PDB file of N, CA and C in Angstrom:
ATOM      1  N   MET A   1     -37.519  -8.219  10.752  1.00  0.00           N
ATOM      2  CA  MET A   1     -36.252  -7.140  10.627  1.00  0.00           C
ATOM      3  C   MET A   1     -36.545  -6.113   9.587  1.00  0.00           C
ATOM      4  N   LEU A   2     -36.338  -6.892   8.254  1.00  0.00           N
ATOM      5  CA  LEU A   2     -36.538  -5.915   7.232  1.00  0.00           C
ATOM      6  C   LEU A   2     -37.978  -4.848   7.017  1.00  0.00           C
ATOM      7  N   ALA A   3     -38.870  -5.261   7.818  1.00  0.00           N
ATOM      8  CA  ALA A   3     -39.998  -4.558   7.797  1.00  0.00           C
ATOM      9  C   ALA A   3     -39.562  -3.183   8.576  1.00  0.00           C
ATOM     10  N   GLY A   4     -38.945  -3.142   9.551  1.00  0.00           N
ATOM     11  CA  GLY A   4     -38.639  -1.795  10.396  1.00  0.00           C
ATOM     12  C   GLY A   4     -37.360  -1.190   9.904  1.00  0.00           C
ATOM     13  N   MET A   5     -36.744  -1.655   8.925  1.00  0.00           N
ATOM     14  CA  MET A   5     -35.666  -1.231   8.148  1.00  0.00           C
ATOM     15  C   MET A   5     -35.732  -0.260   7.178  1.00  0.00           C
ATOM     16  N   THR A   6     -35.059   1.020   7.280  1.00  0.00           N
ATOM     17  CA  THR A   6     -35.202   1.924   6.070  1.00  0.00           C
ATOM     18  C   THR A   6     -34.623   1.574   4.923  1.00  0.00           C
ATOM     19  N   VAL A   7     -34.441   1.797   3.934  1.00  0.00           N
ATOM     20  CA  VAL A   7     -34.030   1.953   2.539  1.00  0.00           C
ATOM     21  C   VAL A   7     -32.366   2.012   2.736  1.00  0.00           C
ATOM     22  N   ARG A   8     -32.529   3.152   3.299  1.00  0.00           N
ATOM     23  CA  ARG A   8     -30.941   3.641   3.501  1.00  0.00           C
ATOM     24  C   ARG A   8     -30.001   2.736   4.224  1.00  0.00           C
ATOM     25  N   THR A   9     -30.620   2.266   5.493  1.00  0.00           N
ATOM     26  CA  THR A   9     -29.982   1.160   6.425  1.00  0.00           C
ATOM     27  C   THR A   9     -29.910  -0.257   5.613  1.00  0.00           C
ATOM     28  N   PHE A  10     -30.471  -0.469   4.589  1.00  0.00           N
ATOM     29  CA  PHE A  10     -30.512  -1.541   4.047  1.00  0.00           C
ATOM     30  C   PHE A  10     -29.426  -1.462   3.100  1.00  0.00           C
ATOM     31  N   GLN A  11     -29.182  -0.314   2.371  1.00  0.00           N
ATOM     32  CA  GLN A  11     -28.127  -0.148   1.494  1.00  0.00           C
ATOM     33  C   GLN A  11     -26.680  -0.161   1.972  1.00  0.00           C
ATOM     34  N   GLU A  12     -27.033   0.313   3.151  1.00  0.00           N
ATOM     35  CA  GLU A  12     -25.420   0.388   4.159  1.00  0.00           C
ATOM     36  C   GLU A  12     -25.232  -1.055   4.593  1.00  0.00           C
ATOM     37  N   TRP A  13     -26.064  -1.938   4.668  1.00  0.00           N
ATOM     38  CA  TRP A  13     -25.535  -3.232   5.174  1.00  0.00           C
ATOM     39  C   TRP A  13     -25.362  -3.930   3.732  1.00  0.00           C
ATOM     40  N   GLN A  14     -25.780  -3.674   2.560  1.00  0.00           N
ATOM     41  CA  GLN A  14     -25.423  -3.965   1.476  1.00  0.00           C
ATOM     42  C   GLN A  14     -24.071  -3.865   0.928  1.00  0.00           C
ATOM     43  N   GLU A  15     -23.621  -2.659   1.367  1.00  0.00           N
ATOM     44  CA  GLU A  15     -22.429  -1.870   0.812  1.00  0.00           C
ATOM     45  C   GLU A  15     -21.527  -2.698   1.845  1.00  0.00           C
ATOM     46  N   TYR A  16     -21.687  -2.721   3.549  1.00  0.00           N
ATOM     47  CA  TYR A  16     -21.158  -3.256   4.022  1.00  0.00           C
ATOM     48  C   TYR A  16     -20.836  -5.131   3.871  1.00  0.00           C
ATOM     49  N   ASP A  17     -21.738  -5.743   3.429  1.00  0.00           N
ATOM     50  CA  ASP A  17     -21.721  -6.965   2.942  1.00  0.00           C
ATOM     51  C   ASP A  17     -20.613  -7.178   1.995  1.00  0.00           C
ATOM     52  N   ARG A  18     -20.368  -6.277   0.896  1.00  0.00           N
ATOM     53  CA  ARG A  18     -19.487  -6.238  -0.434  1.00  0.00           C
ATOM     54  C   ARG A  18     -18.110  -5.948   0.120  1.00  0.00           C
ATOM     55  N   ILE A  19     -18.077  -5.234   1.311  1.00  0.00           N
ATOM     56  CA  ILE A  19     -16.874  -5.135   1.858  1.00  0.00           C
ATOM     57  C   ILE A  19     -16.095  -6.115   2.658  1.00  0.00           C
ATOM     58  N   GLU A  20     -16.999  -6.723   3.930  1.00  0.00           N
ATOM     59  CA  GLU A  20     -16.840  -7.635   4.876  1.00  0.00           C
ATOM     60  C   GLU A  20     -17.820  -8.717   4.655  1.00  0.00           C
ATOM     61  N   PRO A  21     -18.023  -9.728   3.680  1.00  0.00           N
ATOM     62  CA  PRO A  21     -18.650 -10.530   3.563  1.00  0.00           C
ATOM     63  C   PRO A  21     -19.328 -11.187   4.758  1.00  0.00           C
ATOM     64  N   PHE A  22     -20.786 -11.730   5.042  1.00  0.00           N
ATOM     65  CA  PHE A  22     -21.189 -12.541   5.955  1.00  0.00           C
ATOM     66  C   PHE A  22     -22.128 -13.407   5.420  1.00  0.00           C
ATOM     67  N   GLY A  23     -22.707 -14.497   6.057  1.00  0.00           N
ATOM     68  CA  GLY A  23     -23.733 -15.077   5.766  1.00  0.00           C
ATOM     69  C   GLY A  23     -22.928 -16.430   5.444  1.00  0.00           C
ATOM     70  N   GLU A  24     -23.755 -17.043   4.506  1.00  0.00           N
ATOM     71  CA  GLU A  24     -23.215 -18.514   3.682  1.00  0.00           C
ATOM     72  C   GLU A  24     -21.945 -18.231   2.664  1.00  0.00           C
ATOM     73  N   GLN A  25     -21.879 -17.294   1.947  1.00  0.00           N
ATOM     74  CA  GLN A  25     -20.643 -16.930   1.306  1.00  0.00           C
ATOM     75  C   GLN A  25     -19.505 -16.887   2.371  1.00  0.00           C
ATOM     76  N   ARG A  26     -19.619 -16.262   3.554  1.00  0.00           N
ATOM     77  CA  ARG A  26     -18.470 -16.043   4.365  1.00  0.00           C
ATOM     78  C   ARG A  26     -18.357 -17.873   5.200  1.00  0.00           C
ATOM     79  N   GLU A  27     -19.284 -18.526   5.447  1.00  0.00           N
ATOM     80  CA  GLU A  27     -19.173 -19.858   5.823  1.00  0.00           C
ATOM     81  C   GLU A  27     -18.386 -20.584   5.059  1.00  0.00           C
ATOM     82  N   GLU A  28     -18.680 -20.532   3.919  1.00  0.00           N
ATOM     83  CA  GLU A  28     -17.910 -21.234   2.904  1.00  0.00           C
ATOM     84  C   GLU A  28     -16.492 -20.777   2.932  1.00  0.00           C
ATOM     85  N   LEU A  29     -16.059 -19.636   3.052  1.00  0.00           N
ATOM     86  CA  LEU A  29     -14.712 -19.241   2.760  1.00  0.00           C
ATOM     87  C   LEU A  29     -13.895 -19.837   3.907  1.00  0.00           C
ATOM     88  N   ARG A  30     -14.707 -19.609   5.413  1.00  0.00           N
ATOM     89  CA  ARG A  30     -14.126 -20.100   6.620  1.00  0.00           C
ATOM     90  C   ARG A  30     -13.925 -21.519   6.696  1.00  0.00           C
ATOM     91  N   HIS A  31     -14.655 -22.318   6.135  1.00  0.00           N
ATOM     92  CA  HIS A  31     -14.575 -23.793   5.706  1.00  0.00           C
ATOM     93  C   HIS A  31     -13.533 -23.954   4.827  1.00  0.00           C
ATOM     94  N   GLY A  32     -13.248 -23.168   4.050  1.00  0.00           N
ATOM     95  CA  GLY A  32     -12.229 -23.566   2.849  1.00  0.00           C
ATOM     96  C   GLY A  32     -10.650 -23.165   3.304  1.00  0.00           C
ATOM     97  N   GLN A  33     -10.519 -22.120   4.385  1.00  0.00           N
ATOM     98  CA  GLN A  33      -9.360 -21.980   5.165  1.00  0.00           C
ATOM     99  C   GLN A  33      -9.209 -22.646   6.112  1.00  0.00           C
ATOM    100  N   LYS A  34     -10.073 -23.660   6.764  1.00  0.00           N
ATOM    101  CA  LYS A  34      -9.726 -24.658   7.766  1.00  0.00           C
ATOM    102  C   LYS A  34      -9.149 -25.841   6.681  1.00  0.00           C
ATOM    103  N   MET A  35     -10.054 -26.054   5.899  1.00  0.00           N
ATOM    104  CA  MET A  35      -9.739 -27.424   5.099  1.00  0.00           C
ATOM    105  C   MET A  35      -8.369 -27.561   4.530  1.00  0.00           C
ATOM    106  N   ALA A  36      -7.758 -25.939   3.768  1.00  0.00           N
ATOM    107  CA  ALA A  36      -6.476 -25.853   3.294  1.00  0.00           C
ATOM    108  C   ALA A  36      -5.476 -26.064   4.363  1.00  0.00           C
ATOM    109  N   GLN A  37      -5.992 -25.506   5.721  1.00  0.00           N
ATOM    110  CA  GLN A  37      -4.834 -25.275   6.797  1.00  0.00           C
ATOM    111  C   GLN A  37      -4.497 -26.906   7.008  1.00  0.00           C
ATOM    112  N   TYR A  38      -5.646 -27.656   7.154  1.00  0.00           N
ATOM    113  CA  TYR A  38      -5.432 -29.235   7.323  1.00  0.00           C
ATOM    114  C   TYR A  38      -4.456 -29.913   6.359  1.00  0.00           C
ATOM    115  N   ALA A  39      -4.961 -29.520   5.130  1.00  0.00           N
ATOM    116  CA  ALA A  39      -4.372 -30.375   4.249  1.00  0.00           C
ATOM    117  C   ALA A  39      -2.959 -29.861   3.903  1.00  0.00           C
ATOM    118  N   ASN A  40      -2.448 -28.394   3.929  1.00  0.00           N
ATOM    119  CA  ASN A  40      -0.884 -28.186   4.263  1.00  0.00           C
ATOM    120  C   ASN A  40      -0.250 -28.735   5.292  1.00  0.00           C
ATOM    121  N   TYR A  41      -0.707 -29.102   6.193  1.00  0.00           N
ATOM    122  CA  TYR A  41      -0.303 -29.270   7.510  1.00  0.00           C
ATOM    123  C   TYR A  41       0.083 -30.852   7.157  1.00  0.00           C
ATOM    124  N   HIS A  42      -0.637 -31.732   6.860  1.00  0.00           N
ATOM    125  CA  HIS A  42      -0.400 -33.099   6.159  1.00  0.00           C
ATOM    126  C   HIS A  42      -0.088 -33.590   4.956  1.00  0.00           C
ATOM    127  N   ARG A  43       0.183 -32.378   3.984  1.00  0.00           N
ATOM    128  CA  ARG A  43       0.369 -33.011   2.754  1.00  0.00           C
ATOM    129  C   ARG A  43       1.780 -33.604   2.633  1.00  0.00           C
ATOM    130  N   ASP A  44       2.001 -34.223   1.317  1.00  0.00           N
ATOM    131  CA  ASP A  44       3.456 -34.714   1.087  1.00  0.00           C
ATOM    132  C   ASP A  44       4.077 -33.476   0.142  1.00  0.00           C
ATOM    133  N   TRP A  45       5.010 -33.169   1.012  1.00  0.00           N
ATOM    134  CA  TRP A  45       5.730 -32.107   0.311  1.00  0.00           C
ATOM    135  C   TRP A  45       6.781 -32.279  -1.142  1.00  0.00           C
ATOM    136  N   GLU A  46       7.027 -33.527  -1.217  1.00  0.00           N
ATOM    137  CA  GLU A  46       7.380 -33.566  -2.378  1.00  0.00           C
ATOM    138  C   GLU A  46       6.593 -34.114  -3.744  1.00  0.00           C
ATOM    139  N   LYS A  47       5.160 -34.509  -3.313  1.00  0.00           N
ATOM    140  CA  LYS A  47       4.220 -34.501  -4.352  1.00  0.00           C
ATOM    141  C   LYS A  47       3.408 -33.416  -4.661  1.00  0.00           C
ATOM    142  N   PHE A  48       3.121 -32.841  -3.638  1.00  0.00           N
ATOM    143  CA  PHE A  48       2.679 -31.512  -3.532  1.00  0.00           C
ATOM    144  C   PHE A  48       3.454 -30.430  -2.895  1.00  0.00           C
ATOM    145  N   PRO A  49       4.244 -29.976  -3.742  1.00  0.00           N
ATOM    146  CA  PRO A  49       5.319 -28.821  -3.547  1.00  0.00           C
ATOM    147  C   PRO A  49       4.417 -27.344  -3.243  1.00  0.00           C
ATOM    148  N   ASP A  50       3.271 -27.358  -4.134  1.00  0.00           N
ATOM    149  CA  ASP A  50       2.686 -25.942  -3.750  1.00  0.00           C
ATOM    150  C   ASP A  50       1.669 -26.187  -2.516  1.00  0.00           C
ATOM    151  N   PRO A  51       1.643 -25.106  -1.948  1.00  0.00           N
ATOM    152  CA  PRO A  51       0.453 -25.271  -0.823  1.00  0.00           C
ATOM    153  C   PRO A  51      -1.037 -25.442  -1.589  1.00  0.00           C
ATOM    154  N   ALA A  52      -2.031 -25.947  -0.703  1.00  0.00           N
ATOM    155  CA  ALA A  52      -3.272 -25.865  -1.104  1.00  0.00           C
ATOM    156  C   ALA A  52      -4.105 -24.617  -0.806  1.00  0.00           C
ATOM    157  N   THR A  53      -4.897 -24.089  -1.382  1.00  0.00           N
ATOM    158  CA  THR A  53      -5.662 -22.671  -1.145  1.00  0.00           C
ATOM    159  C   THR A  53      -7.044 -22.983  -0.691  1.00  0.00           C
ATOM    160  N   CYS A  54      -8.006 -22.256  -0.095  1.00  0.00           N
ATOM    161  CA  CYS A  54      -8.843 -22.136   0.036  1.00  0.00           C
ATOM    162  C   CYS A  54      -9.966 -22.624  -0.634  1.00  0.00           C
ATOM    163  N   TRP A  55      -9.845 -21.918  -1.891  1.00  0.00           N
ATOM    164  CA  TRP A  55     -10.523 -22.223  -3.263  1.00  0.00           C
ATOM    165  C   TRP A  55     -10.735 -23.543  -3.312  1.00  0.00           C
ATOM    166  N   GLN A  56      -9.986 -24.435  -3.256  1.00  0.00           N
ATOM    167  CA  GLN A  56      -9.737 -25.872  -3.605  1.00  0.00           C
ATOM    168  C   GLN A  56     -10.925 -26.327  -3.043  1.00  0.00           C
ATOM    169  N   PHE A  57     -11.317 -25.956  -1.679  1.00  0.00           N
ATOM    170  CA  PHE A  57     -12.277 -26.600  -0.716  1.00  0.00           C
ATOM    171  C   PHE A  57     -13.692 -26.054  -0.365  1.00  0.00           C
ATOM    172  N   MET A  58     -13.599 -25.086  -1.465  1.00  0.00           N
ATOM    173  CA  MET A  58     -15.038 -24.435  -1.331  1.00  0.00           C
ATOM    174  C   MET A  58     -15.896 -24.804  -2.319  1.00  0.00           C
ATOM    175  N   ASN A  59     -17.239 -25.543  -1.784  1.00  0.00           N
ATOM    176  CA  ASN A  59     -18.122 -26.355  -2.523  1.00  0.00           C
ATOM    177  C   ASN A  59     -19.192 -25.304  -3.687  1.00  0.00           C
ATOM    178  N   PHE A  60     -19.327 -24.067  -3.266  1.00  0.00           N
ATOM    179  CA  PHE A  60     -20.111 -23.145  -4.008  1.00  0.00           C
ATOM    180  C   PHE A  60     -19.888 -21.938  -4.588  1.00  0.00           C
ATOM    181  N   THR A  61     -18.279 -21.783  -4.799  1.00  0.00           N
ATOM    182  CA  THR A  61     -17.995 -20.748  -5.192  1.00  0.00           C
ATOM    183  C   THR A  61     -16.628 -21.182  -6.401  1.00  0.00           C
ATOM    184  N   ASP A  62     -16.434 -20.091  -7.251  1.00  0.00           N
ATOM    185  CA  ASP A  62     -15.476 -20.538  -8.252  1.00  0.00           C
ATOM    186  C   ASP A  62     -14.166 -19.643  -7.822  1.00  0.00           C
ATOM    187  N   GLN A  63     -13.118 -20.045  -8.095  1.00  0.00           N
ATOM    188  CA  GLN A  63     -11.866 -19.464  -7.845  1.00  0.00           C
ATOM    189  C   GLN A  63     -11.924 -18.455  -8.454  1.00  0.00           C
ATOM    190  N   PRO A  64     -11.612 -16.825  -7.763  1.00  0.00           N
ATOM    191  CA  PRO A  64     -11.798 -15.620  -8.350  1.00  0.00           C
ATOM    192  C   PRO A  64     -10.390 -15.678  -9.401  1.00  0.00           C
ATOM    193  N   GLU A  65     -10.669 -14.652 -10.509  1.00  0.00           N
ATOM    194  CA  GLU A  65      -9.640 -14.302 -11.435  1.00  0.00           C
ATOM    195  C   GLU A  65      -8.664 -13.504 -10.502  1.00  0.00           C
ATOM    196  N   PRO A  66      -7.425 -13.614 -11.030  1.00  0.00           N
ATOM    197  CA  PRO A  66      -6.506 -12.707 -10.256  1.00  0.00           C
ATOM    198  C   PRO A  66      -6.588 -11.165 -10.773  1.00  0.00           C
ATOM    199  N   THR A  67      -6.559 -10.204 -10.020  1.00  0.00           N
ATOM    200  CA  THR A  67      -6.841  -8.920 -10.439  1.00  0.00           C
ATOM    201  C   THR A  67      -5.778  -8.156  -9.657  1.00  0.00           C
ATOM    202  N   GLU A  68      -5.498  -7.171 -10.684  1.00  0.00           N
ATOM    203  CA  GLU A  68      -4.155  -6.405  -9.968  1.00  0.00           C
ATOM    204  C   GLU A  68      -4.759  -5.039  -9.536  1.00  0.00           C
ATOM    205  N   GLU A  69      -5.686  -4.849  -8.731  1.00  0.00           N
ATOM    206  CA  GLU A  69      -6.508  -3.576  -8.603  1.00  0.00           C
ATOM    207  C   GLU A  69      -5.545  -3.288  -7.489  1.00  0.00           C
ATOM    208  N   PRO A  70      -5.299  -2.031  -7.066  1.00  0.00           N
ATOM    209  CA  PRO A  70      -4.647  -1.489  -5.704  1.00  0.00           C
ATOM    210  C   PRO A  70      -5.525  -1.592  -4.737  1.00  0.00           C
ATOM    211  N   GLU A  71      -5.158  -1.728  -3.465  1.00  0.00           N
ATOM    212  CA  GLU A  71      -6.196  -1.793  -2.319  1.00  0.00           C
ATOM    213  C   GLU A  71      -6.488  -0.414  -2.378  1.00  0.00           C
ATOM    214  N   THR A  72      -7.811  -0.106  -1.833  1.00  0.00           N
ATOM    215  CA  THR A  72      -8.391   0.944  -1.824  1.00  0.00           C
ATOM    216  C   THR A  72      -8.246   1.516   0.040  1.00  0.00           C
ATOM    217  N   ASP A  73      -7.735   2.728  -0.014  1.00  0.00           N
ATOM    218  CA  ASP A  73      -7.434   3.153   1.458  1.00  0.00           C
ATOM    219  C   ASP A  73      -8.883   3.180   2.121  1.00  0.00           C
ATOM    220  N   PRO A  74      -9.129   2.580   3.269  1.00  0.00           N
ATOM    221  CA  PRO A  74     -10.375   2.512   3.963  1.00  0.00           C
ATOM    222  C   PRO A  74     -11.097   3.910   4.183  1.00  0.00           C
ATOM    223  N   GLU A  75     -10.639   4.926   4.256  1.00  0.00           N
ATOM    224  CA  GLU A  75     -11.096   6.218   4.632  1.00  0.00           C
ATOM    225  C   GLU A  75     -11.546   6.715   2.960  1.00  0.00           C
ATOM    226  N   GLU A  76     -10.988   6.215   1.947  1.00  0.00           N
ATOM    227  CA  GLU A  76     -11.650   6.906   0.529  1.00  0.00           C
ATOM    228  C   GLU A  76     -12.933   5.871   0.519  1.00  0.00           C
ATOM    229  N   LEU A  77     -12.763   4.858   0.741  1.00  0.00           N
ATOM    230  CA  LEU A  77     -13.718   3.646   0.259  1.00  0.00           C
ATOM    231  C   LEU A  77     -15.070   4.370   1.379  1.00  0.00           C
ATOM    232  N   SER A  78     -14.885   4.932   2.368  1.00  0.00           N
ATOM    233  CA  SER A  78     -16.082   5.151   3.173  1.00  0.00           C
ATOM    234  C   SER A  78     -16.651   6.681   2.495  1.00  0.00           C
ATOM    235  N   ARG A  79     -15.430   7.378   1.783  1.00  0.00           N
ATOM    236  CA  ARG A  79     -16.135   8.621   1.182  1.00  0.00           C
ATOM    237  C   ARG A  79     -17.240   8.193   0.011  1.00  0.00           C
ATOM    238  N   GLN A  80     -16.328   7.221  -0.660  1.00  0.00           N
ATOM    239  CA  GLN A  80     -17.207   6.741  -2.087  1.00  0.00           C
ATOM    240  C   GLN A  80     -18.361   6.196  -1.594  1.00  0.00           C
ATOM    241  N   ILE A  81     -18.800   5.572  -0.484  1.00  0.00           N
ATOM    242  CA  ILE A  81     -19.761   4.890  -0.482  1.00  0.00           C
ATOM    243  C   ILE A  81     -20.757   5.888   0.358  1.00  0.00           C
ATOM    244  N   ALA A  82     -20.259   6.852   1.332  1.00  0.00           N
ATOM    245  CA  ALA A  82     -21.271   8.055   1.646  1.00  0.00           C
ATOM    246  C   ALA A  82     -21.906   8.648   0.398  1.00  0.00           C
ATOM    247  N   THR A  83     -20.747   9.105  -0.651  1.00  0.00           N
ATOM    248  CA  THR A  83     -21.345   9.943  -1.972  1.00  0.00           C
ATOM    249  C   THR A  83     -22.274   8.739  -2.668  1.00  0.00           C
ATOM    250  N   GLU A  84     -22.102   7.626  -2.548  1.00  0.00           N
ATOM    251  CA  GLU A  84     -23.260   6.797  -3.550  1.00  0.00           C
ATOM    252  C   GLU A  84     -24.429   7.319  -2.723  1.00  0.00           C
ATOM    253  N   LEU A  85     -24.347   6.643  -1.407  1.00  0.00           N
ATOM    254  CA  LEU A  85     -25.563   6.912  -0.495  1.00  0.00           C
ATOM    255  C   LEU A  85     -26.606   8.142  -0.663  1.00  0.00           C
ATOM    256  N   PHE A  86     -25.636   8.954  -0.774  1.00  0.00           N
ATOM    257  CA  PHE A  86     -26.162  10.460  -0.724  1.00  0.00           C
ATOM    258  C   PHE A  86     -26.939  10.858  -2.089  1.00  0.00           C
ATOM    259  N   ARG A  87     -26.320  10.030  -3.193  1.00  0.00           N
ATOM    260  CA  ARG A  87     -27.097  10.192  -4.562  1.00  0.00           C
ATOM    261  C   ARG A  87     -28.067   9.763  -4.609  1.00  0.00           C
ATOM    262  N   MET A  88     -28.714   8.576  -3.850  1.00  0.00           N
ATOM    263  CA  MET A  88     -29.980   8.040  -4.108  1.00  0.00           C
ATOM    264  C   MET A  88     -31.211   8.579  -3.482  1.00  0.00           C
TER     265      MET A  88
END
């Protein structure tokens, strides 16, 4: 697949992966979400008043540091990606 792919197409897929991850990282997140849902459904509310998060069940990733970055408008993000791709 990579042999027939242009550099630009490959870069677009890399940008897409930053926005909407896929592959092993995505599978790990999906697993964490399912396990957190199960744990929250069956937890003892008196012993564990705070709900479990998906990060507690993910094997290969660290819990991200909380950030206070404002959400980017999707159209603005598309413009930024296009600008970066045309610079290359």
